[in-house]
Amino acid sequence: MNPAGQETKKVRVWGKGQFTIPAEFRKDLNIDEDTVLEVFRAGRAIIAMPEALTVRKLASSVLKEMKRNNIQLEDLLKELREGDHEYEAD
């Protein structure tokens, strides 16, 4: 067990910095062959987690609406920077 009380596994780093994520972890986290991981450094630790699909879904949805309404990215960004925005809160 590590200091946080989580189970640890040892893996060996091989060619080009690759290592195998233990099957038990892959199963528990729903990581398969096509999963994209976000990897970052926290001090001397490397943290890898499945990419947040909600961000990709949101970006895809915005792009779809932009195409449907014939909105160009440059125009959208200009409006966001210069436009008069009023927001309502529930």
Protein backbone atom coordinates (compact mmCIF):
# COMPACT_ATOMS: atom_id res chain seq x y z
CA MET A 1 0.00 0.00 0.00
CA ASN A 2 1.15 3.54 -0.69
CA PRO A 3 0.80 6.40 1.81
CA ALA A 4 -2.70 7.21 0.50
CA GLY A 5 -3.79 3.65 1.28
CA GLN A 6 -4.16 2.68 -2.38
CA GLU A 7 -2.91 -0.60 -3.81
CA THR A 8 0.32 -0.21 -5.75
CA LYS A 9 1.78 -2.32 -8.55
CA LYS A 10 5.29 -2.33 -9.97
CA VAL A 11 5.73 -2.00 -13.71
CA ARG A 12 8.86 -1.85 -15.85
CA VAL A 13 9.45 1.00 -18.29
CA TRP A 14 10.59 -0.18 -21.72
CA GLY A 15 11.09 1.13 -25.27
CA LYS A 16 10.33 4.84 -25.64
CA GLY A 17 9.14 5.19 -22.04
CA GLN A 18 6.25 2.76 -22.39
CA PHE A 19 4.81 0.66 -19.60
CA THR A 20 1.81 -1.58 -19.15
CA ILE A 21 -1.07 -0.46 -16.95
CA PRO A 22 -2.04 -3.49 -14.84
CA ALA A 23 -5.17 -5.24 -16.14
CA GLU A 24 -6.98 -4.76 -12.83
CA PHE A 25 -6.53 -0.98 -13.05
CA ARG A 26 -7.57 -0.92 -16.73
CA LYS A 27 -10.73 -2.87 -15.91
CA ASP A 28 -11.66 -0.71 -12.90
CA LEU A 29 -11.11 2.53 -14.86
CA ASN A 30 -12.64 1.33 -18.17
CA ILE A 31 -9.38 1.86 -20.05
CA ASP A 32 -9.15 -0.04 -23.31
CA GLU A 33 -6.86 -0.02 -26.34
CA ASP A 34 -8.28 3.21 -27.79
CA THR A 35 -8.53 5.19 -24.55
CA VAL A 36 -6.68 8.51 -24.56
CA LEU A 37 -4.99 9.35 -21.28
CA GLU A 38 -4.14 12.77 -19.92
CA VAL A 39 -0.67 12.59 -18.34
CA PHE A 40 0.86 15.22 -16.12
CA ARG A 41 3.57 15.60 -13.56
CA ALA A 42 2.97 16.36 -9.89
CA GLY A 43 6.36 16.79 -8.26
CA ARG A 44 8.17 13.49 -8.76
CA ALA A 45 4.95 11.62 -9.56
CA ILE A 46 3.42 10.96 -12.96
CA ILE A 47 -0.37 10.96 -13.04
CA ALA A 48 -2.33 9.45 -15.90
CA MET A 49 -6.10 9.53 -16.16
CA PRO A 50 -8.67 8.89 -18.88
CA GLU A 51 -9.29 12.01 -20.94
CA ALA A 52 -12.40 13.88 -19.90
CA LEU A 53 -14.85 13.02 -22.64
CA THR A 54 -17.20 15.81 -21.62
CA VAL A 55 -14.75 18.40 -23.00
CA ARG A 56 -14.60 16.62 -26.36
CA LYS A 57 -18.38 16.24 -26.43
CA LEU A 58 -18.87 19.93 -25.66
CA ALA A 59 -16.36 20.98 -28.34
CA SER A 60 -18.05 18.69 -30.86
CA SER A 61 -21.46 20.10 -30.00
CA VAL A 62 -20.26 23.71 -30.36
CA LEU A 63 -18.61 22.93 -33.71
CA LYS A 64 -21.79 21.26 -34.98
CA GLU A 65 -23.90 24.29 -34.03
CA MET A 66 -21.37 26.66 -35.61
CA LYS A 67 -21.55 24.73 -38.88
CA ARG A 68 -25.36 24.52 -38.75
CA ASN A 69 -25.59 28.30 -38.23
CA ASN A 70 -22.73 29.14 -40.61
CA ILE A 71 -20.69 30.82 -37.86
CA GLN A 72 -16.98 31.25 -38.44
CA LEU A 73 -14.57 30.82 -35.51
CA GLU A 74 -13.02 34.24 -36.07
CA ASP A 75 -16.47 35.90 -35.86
CA LEU A 76 -17.39 33.96 -32.73
CA LEU A 77 -14.13 34.91 -31.00
CA LYS A 78 -14.55 38.57 -31.99
CA GLU A 79 -18.09 38.61 -30.58
CA LEU A 80 -16.90 37.00 -27.35
CA ARG A 81 -14.13 39.59 -26.98
CA GLU A 82 -16.04 42.69 -28.02
CA GLY A 83 -19.72 41.90 -27.60
CA ASP A 84 -22.08 43.16 -24.93
CA HIS A 85 -22.94 40.12 -22.84
CA GLU A 86 -25.67 39.80 -20.25
CA TYR A 87 -26.07 36.58 -18.32
CA GLU A 88 -28.98 35.41 -16.26
CA ALA A 89 -28.65 33.13 -13.29
CA ASP A 90 -31.39 30.87 -12.02
